[in-house]
Amino acid sequence: MTAASLEVRCEVEQAGEYQKYEYFVYDIYGIGVIGYGVVYQKGNSVEIKVINVDRLHRGEGIGSSLLQRIISDHSERTIYVRTFESLIPWYEKFGFKLYSEPLLLVRPSSVV
């Protein structure tokens, strides 16, 4: 499976005052989840709560596909993520900037 062939599916639900977006990447059989992401949107901002890839499938571009889909779906909003120090360079490749401690990264909306 290549990153170009990955399909990222999204489900949206209302969670109180937030919209919850869940992103899924399934295995080649369409049965097992091998990549997962969750974001919460409130107003003009979105917070990435989790992006996780099955250990056996890391390094295949699945996390990048999830993040690209999240960015695409929310390009008009400011996106926040709290993450581990080791993941800062990965997020920076997608336009995030270190905003503050503890390890909050922000990707401003693309709306000028």
N, C-alpha and C. Protein backbone atom coordinates (compact mmCIF):
# COMPACT_ATOMS: atom_id res chain seq x y z
N MET A 1 0.85 -1.17 0.00
CA MET A 1 0.00 0.00 0.00
C MET A 1 0.89 1.23 0.00
N THR A 2 0.62 2.13 -0.91
CA THR A 2 1.41 3.37 -0.96
C THR A 2 0.58 4.52 -0.42
N ALA A 3 1.26 5.59 -0.02
CA ALA A 3 0.57 6.76 0.52
C ALA A 3 -0.42 7.31 -0.51
N ALA A 4 -0.07 7.23 -1.78
CA ALA A 4 -0.95 7.75 -2.83
C ALA A 4 -2.24 6.94 -2.93
N SER A 5 -2.22 5.67 -2.55
CA SER A 5 -3.40 4.83 -2.67
C SER A 5 -4.25 4.80 -1.40
N LEU A 6 -3.84 5.54 -0.38
CA LEU A 6 -4.57 5.52 0.88
C LEU A 6 -5.86 6.31 0.79
N GLU A 7 -6.91 5.73 1.32
CA GLU A 7 -8.18 6.44 1.42
C GLU A 7 -8.38 6.78 2.89
N VAL A 8 -8.60 8.05 3.15
CA VAL A 8 -8.87 8.50 4.51
C VAL A 8 -10.36 8.79 4.58
N ARG A 9 -11.05 8.07 5.45
CA ARG A 9 -12.49 8.27 5.64
C ARG A 9 -12.72 9.16 6.85
N CYS A 10 -13.78 9.93 6.81
CA CYS A 10 -14.08 10.85 7.90
C CYS A 10 -15.53 10.70 8.33
N GLU A 11 -15.73 10.71 9.64
CA GLU A 11 -17.07 10.72 10.23
C GLU A 11 -17.16 11.93 11.14
N VAL A 12 -18.29 12.63 11.10
CA VAL A 12 -18.47 13.85 11.88
C VAL A 12 -19.68 13.67 12.78
N GLU A 13 -19.54 14.13 14.02
CA GLU A 13 -20.68 14.11 14.94
C GLU A 13 -20.61 15.32 15.86
N GLN A 14 -21.75 15.70 16.36
CA GLN A 14 -21.81 16.78 17.33
C GLN A 14 -21.46 16.21 18.69
N ALA A 15 -20.54 16.87 19.39
CA ALA A 15 -20.12 16.44 20.74
C ALA A 15 -20.24 17.65 21.66
N GLY A 16 -21.44 17.90 22.15
CA GLY A 16 -21.66 19.09 22.96
C GLY A 16 -21.53 20.33 22.11
N GLU A 17 -20.68 21.25 22.53
CA GLU A 17 -20.49 22.48 21.76
C GLU A 17 -19.45 22.34 20.66
N TYR A 18 -18.89 21.15 20.51
CA TYR A 18 -17.86 20.88 19.51
C TYR A 18 -18.39 19.99 18.41
N GLN A 19 -17.74 20.07 17.25
CA GLN A 19 -17.92 19.07 16.20
C GLN A 19 -16.72 18.13 16.31
N LYS A 20 -16.99 16.86 16.36
CA LYS A 20 -15.92 15.85 16.46
C LYS A 20 -15.76 15.21 15.09
N TYR A 21 -14.52 15.24 14.59
CA TYR A 21 -14.17 14.61 13.31
C TYR A 21 -13.28 13.42 13.62
N GLU A 22 -13.68 12.25 13.16
CA GLU A 22 -12.85 11.05 13.30
C GLU A 22 -12.40 10.62 11.91
N TYR A 23 -11.10 10.39 11.78
CA TYR A 23 -10.50 10.01 10.50
C TYR A 23 -9.97 8.59 10.61
N PHE A 24 -10.23 7.78 9.58
CA PHE A 24 -9.84 6.38 9.58
C PHE A 24 -9.10 6.02 8.29
N VAL A 25 -8.07 5.21 8.43
CA VAL A 25 -7.43 4.54 7.29
C VAL A 25 -7.50 3.05 7.60
N TYR A 26 -8.04 2.30 6.64
CA TYR A 26 -8.22 0.86 6.83
C TYR A 26 -7.15 0.07 6.09
N ASP A 27 -6.96 -1.16 6.50
CA ASP A 27 -6.01 -2.05 5.83
C ASP A 27 -6.50 -2.36 4.41
N ILE A 28 -5.70 -3.09 3.66
CA ILE A 28 -6.03 -3.35 2.26
C ILE A 28 -7.34 -4.14 2.09
N TYR A 29 -7.80 -4.79 3.15
CA TYR A 29 -9.05 -5.55 3.10
C TYR A 29 -10.25 -4.70 3.49
N GLY A 30 -9.99 -3.49 3.98
CA GLY A 30 -11.08 -2.62 4.40
C GLY A 30 -11.71 -3.03 5.71
N ILE A 31 -10.98 -3.80 6.51
CA ILE A 31 -11.54 -4.33 7.76
C ILE A 31 -10.90 -3.69 8.98
N GLY A 32 -9.58 -3.77 9.06
CA GLY A 32 -8.86 -3.29 10.23
C GLY A 32 -8.42 -1.85 10.10
N VAL A 33 -8.56 -1.08 11.16
CA VAL A 33 -8.10 0.31 11.17
C VAL A 33 -6.59 0.31 11.41
N ILE A 34 -5.85 0.94 10.48
CA ILE A 34 -4.39 1.02 10.64
C ILE A 34 -3.92 2.45 10.88
N GLY A 35 -4.85 3.40 10.75
CA GLY A 35 -4.55 4.79 11.04
C GLY A 35 -5.80 5.47 11.56
N TYR A 36 -5.62 6.37 12.54
CA TYR A 36 -6.77 6.98 13.19
C TYR A 36 -6.42 8.40 13.62
N GLY A 37 -7.35 9.30 13.46
CA GLY A 37 -7.16 10.67 13.92
C GLY A 37 -8.46 11.23 14.45
N VAL A 38 -8.36 12.13 15.43
CA VAL A 38 -9.53 12.80 16.00
C VAL A 38 -9.22 14.28 16.12
N VAL A 39 -10.15 15.11 15.67
CA VAL A 39 -10.04 16.55 15.88
C VAL A 39 -11.38 17.06 16.38
N TYR A 40 -11.30 18.12 17.18
CA TYR A 40 -12.49 18.82 17.66
C TYR A 40 -12.48 20.22 17.11
N GLN A 41 -13.61 20.63 16.54
CA GLN A 41 -13.75 21.97 16.00
C GLN A 41 -14.76 22.74 16.84
N LYS A 42 -14.37 23.96 17.19
CA LYS A 42 -15.29 24.89 17.85
C LYS A 42 -15.01 26.25 17.25
N GLY A 43 -16.03 26.81 16.61
CA GLY A 43 -15.84 28.11 15.98
C GLY A 43 -14.81 28.04 14.87
N ASN A 44 -13.83 28.94 14.94
CA ASN A 44 -12.82 29.02 13.89
C ASN A 44 -11.52 28.32 14.26
N SER A 45 -11.57 27.42 15.23
CA SER A 45 -10.35 26.70 15.57
C SER A 45 -10.62 25.20 15.70
N VAL A 46 -9.56 24.47 15.46
CA VAL A 46 -9.61 23.01 15.48
C VAL A 46 -8.43 22.53 16.31
N GLU A 47 -8.68 21.54 17.16
CA GLU A 47 -7.58 20.94 17.91
C GLU A 47 -7.46 19.48 17.53
N ILE A 48 -6.25 19.10 17.12
CA ILE A 48 -5.97 17.68 16.85
C ILE A 48 -5.76 17.02 18.20
N LYS A 49 -6.60 16.04 18.49
CA LYS A 49 -6.48 15.32 19.76
C LYS A 49 -5.55 14.12 19.63
N VAL A 50 -5.61 13.46 18.48
CA VAL A 50 -4.76 12.27 18.29
C VAL A 50 -4.60 11.98 16.80
N ILE A 51 -3.41 11.55 16.46
CA ILE A 51 -3.13 10.89 15.19
C ILE A 51 -2.29 9.68 15.56
N ASN A 52 -2.77 8.50 15.21
CA ASN A 52 -2.06 7.29 15.59
C ASN A 52 -2.06 6.31 14.42
N VAL A 53 -0.94 5.65 14.24
CA VAL A 53 -0.79 4.65 13.18
C VAL A 53 -0.34 3.35 13.82
N ASP A 54 -0.94 2.26 13.38
CA ASP A 54 -0.56 0.93 13.85
C ASP A 54 0.95 0.74 13.70
N ARG A 55 1.57 0.20 14.72
CA ARG A 55 3.03 0.03 14.72
C ARG A 55 3.56 -0.71 13.49
N LEU A 56 2.81 -1.66 12.99
CA LEU A 56 3.28 -2.44 11.84
C LEU A 56 3.20 -1.65 10.53
N HIS A 57 2.55 -0.49 10.56
CA HIS A 57 2.37 0.29 9.33
C HIS A 57 3.00 1.67 9.40
N ARG A 58 3.79 1.92 10.41
CA ARG A 58 4.46 3.22 10.51
C ARG A 58 5.52 3.33 9.42
N GLY A 59 5.72 4.54 8.94
CA GLY A 59 6.69 4.79 7.88
C GLY A 59 6.13 4.59 6.49
N GLU A 60 4.82 4.33 6.38
CA GLU A 60 4.18 4.11 5.07
C GLU A 60 3.42 5.34 4.57
N GLY A 61 3.50 6.45 5.30
CA GLY A 61 2.80 7.66 4.89
C GLY A 61 1.38 7.78 5.39
N ILE A 62 0.96 6.88 6.25
CA ILE A 62 -0.42 6.87 6.74
C ILE A 62 -0.68 8.10 7.62
N GLY A 63 0.22 8.38 8.56
CA GLY A 63 0.06 9.55 9.42
C GLY A 63 0.06 10.83 8.60
N SER A 64 0.93 10.90 7.61
CA SER A 64 0.98 12.08 6.74
C SER A 64 -0.32 12.24 5.96
N SER A 65 -0.88 11.13 5.48
CA SER A 65 -2.16 11.20 4.76
C SER A 65 -3.28 11.68 5.68
N LEU A 66 -3.28 11.20 6.92
CA LEU A 66 -4.28 11.66 7.88
C LEU A 66 -4.14 13.16 8.12
N LEU A 67 -2.90 13.61 8.37
CA LEU A 67 -2.68 15.02 8.66
C LEU A 67 -3.02 15.89 7.45
N GLN A 68 -2.67 15.46 6.26
CA GLN A 68 -3.00 16.22 5.05
C GLN A 68 -4.51 16.35 4.88
N ARG A 69 -5.24 15.29 5.17
CA ARG A 69 -6.71 15.33 5.08
C ARG A 69 -7.28 16.30 6.12
N ILE A 70 -6.75 16.24 7.34
CA ILE A 70 -7.21 17.15 8.40
C ILE A 70 -6.96 18.60 7.98
N ILE A 71 -5.77 18.88 7.48
CA ILE A 71 -5.44 20.24 7.03
C ILE A 71 -6.36 20.66 5.88
N SER A 72 -6.61 19.78 4.95
CA SER A 72 -7.48 20.08 3.82
C SER A 72 -8.91 20.38 4.29
N ASP A 73 -9.41 19.56 5.19
CA ASP A 73 -10.79 19.74 5.68
C ASP A 73 -10.96 21.00 6.51
N HIS A 74 -9.88 21.48 7.11
CA HIS A 74 -9.97 22.60 8.04
C HIS A 74 -9.04 23.76 7.65
N SER A 75 -8.77 23.92 6.37
CA SER A 75 -7.81 24.93 5.92
C SER A 75 -8.24 26.35 6.25
N GLU A 76 -9.52 26.57 6.46
CA GLU A 76 -10.01 27.91 6.77
C GLU A 76 -9.99 28.19 8.27
N ARG A 77 -9.49 27.25 9.05
CA ARG A 77 -9.47 27.41 10.50
C ARG A 77 -8.04 27.31 11.01
N THR A 78 -7.82 27.83 12.20
CA THR A 78 -6.53 27.66 12.86
C THR A 78 -6.52 26.28 13.51
N ILE A 79 -5.44 25.53 13.28
CA ILE A 79 -5.33 24.16 13.79
C ILE A 79 -4.27 24.13 14.88
N TYR A 80 -4.65 23.57 16.03
CA TYR A 80 -3.74 23.44 17.17
C TYR A 80 -3.45 21.97 17.41
N VAL A 81 -2.26 21.69 17.93
CA VAL A 81 -1.93 20.33 18.36
C VAL A 81 -0.92 20.40 19.49
N ARG A 82 -1.14 19.61 20.51
CA ARG A 82 -0.16 19.42 21.58
C ARG A 82 0.48 18.07 21.30
N THR A 83 1.81 18.04 21.31
CA THR A 83 2.47 16.82 20.88
C THR A 83 3.76 16.59 21.63
N PHE A 84 4.38 15.48 21.31
CA PHE A 84 5.68 15.15 21.89
C PHE A 84 6.77 15.93 21.17
N GLU A 85 7.83 16.20 21.87
CA GLU A 85 8.94 16.96 21.28
C GLU A 85 9.48 16.28 20.03
N SER A 86 9.51 14.97 20.03
CA SER A 86 10.05 14.23 18.88
C SER A 86 9.22 14.40 17.61
N LEU A 87 7.95 14.81 17.74
CA LEU A 87 7.09 14.96 16.57
C LEU A 87 7.03 16.39 16.02
N ILE A 88 7.68 17.33 16.71
CA ILE A 88 7.65 18.72 16.25
C ILE A 88 8.16 18.86 14.81
N PRO A 89 9.29 18.27 14.44
CA PRO A 89 9.76 18.42 13.05
C PRO A 89 8.76 17.88 12.02
N TRP A 90 8.06 16.81 12.37
CA TRP A 90 7.07 16.23 11.45
C TRP A 90 5.94 17.23 11.23
N TYR A 91 5.40 17.79 12.28
CA TYR A 91 4.33 18.78 12.14
C TYR A 91 4.81 20.03 11.41
N GLU A 92 6.04 20.44 11.67
CA GLU A 92 6.58 21.63 11.00
C GLU A 92 6.63 21.45 9.49
N LYS A 93 6.82 20.22 9.01
CA LYS A 93 6.82 19.95 7.57
C LYS A 93 5.47 20.28 6.93
N PHE A 94 4.43 20.34 7.76
CA PHE A 94 3.08 20.62 7.27
C PHE A 94 2.63 22.05 7.58
N GLY A 95 3.58 22.90 7.96
CA GLY A 95 3.27 24.31 8.16
C GLY A 95 2.96 24.72 9.59
N PHE A 96 3.09 23.80 10.53
CA PHE A 96 2.86 24.15 11.93
C PHE A 96 4.09 24.86 12.49
N LYS A 97 3.85 25.76 13.42
CA LYS A 97 4.93 26.49 14.10
C LYS A 97 4.78 26.29 15.60
N LEU A 98 5.92 26.15 16.28
CA LEU A 98 5.90 26.03 17.73
C LEU A 98 5.40 27.34 18.31
N TYR A 99 4.35 27.26 19.09
CA TYR A 99 3.67 28.44 19.59
C TYR A 99 4.05 28.75 21.03
N SER A 100 4.06 27.73 21.86
CA SER A 100 4.37 27.93 23.28
C SER A 100 4.71 26.60 23.92
N GLU A 101 5.10 26.68 25.12
CA GLU A 101 5.30 25.47 25.90
C GLU A 101 4.00 25.21 26.64
N PRO A 102 3.63 24.01 26.94
CA PRO A 102 4.35 22.80 26.59
C PRO A 102 3.97 22.26 25.22
N LEU A 103 4.82 22.48 24.28
CA LEU A 103 4.77 21.88 22.94
C LEU A 103 3.43 22.04 22.22
N LEU A 104 2.94 23.24 22.16
CA LEU A 104 1.75 23.56 21.40
C LEU A 104 2.19 24.08 20.05
N LEU A 105 1.71 23.44 18.99
CA LEU A 105 2.00 23.88 17.64
C LEU A 105 0.72 24.41 17.02
N VAL A 106 0.86 25.39 16.15
CA VAL A 106 -0.30 26.03 15.53
C VAL A 106 -0.07 26.11 14.03
N ARG A 107 -1.12 25.86 13.27
CA ARG A 107 -1.11 26.07 11.83
C ARG A 107 -2.21 27.07 11.54
N PRO A 108 -1.86 28.33 11.27
CA PRO A 108 -2.90 29.35 11.02
C PRO A 108 -3.73 28.98 9.81
N SER A 109 -4.95 29.50 9.78
CA SER A 109 -5.82 29.24 8.64
C SER A 109 -5.18 29.80 7.39
N SER A 110 -5.60 29.27 6.26
CA SER A 110 -5.05 29.76 4.99
C SER A 110 -5.83 30.96 4.48
N VAL A 111 -6.86 31.35 5.21
CA VAL A 111 -7.65 32.52 4.82
C VAL A 111 -6.88 33.77 5.19
N VAL A 112 -6.72 34.66 4.24
CA VAL A 112 -5.97 35.89 4.49
C VAL A 112 -6.90 36.99 4.95
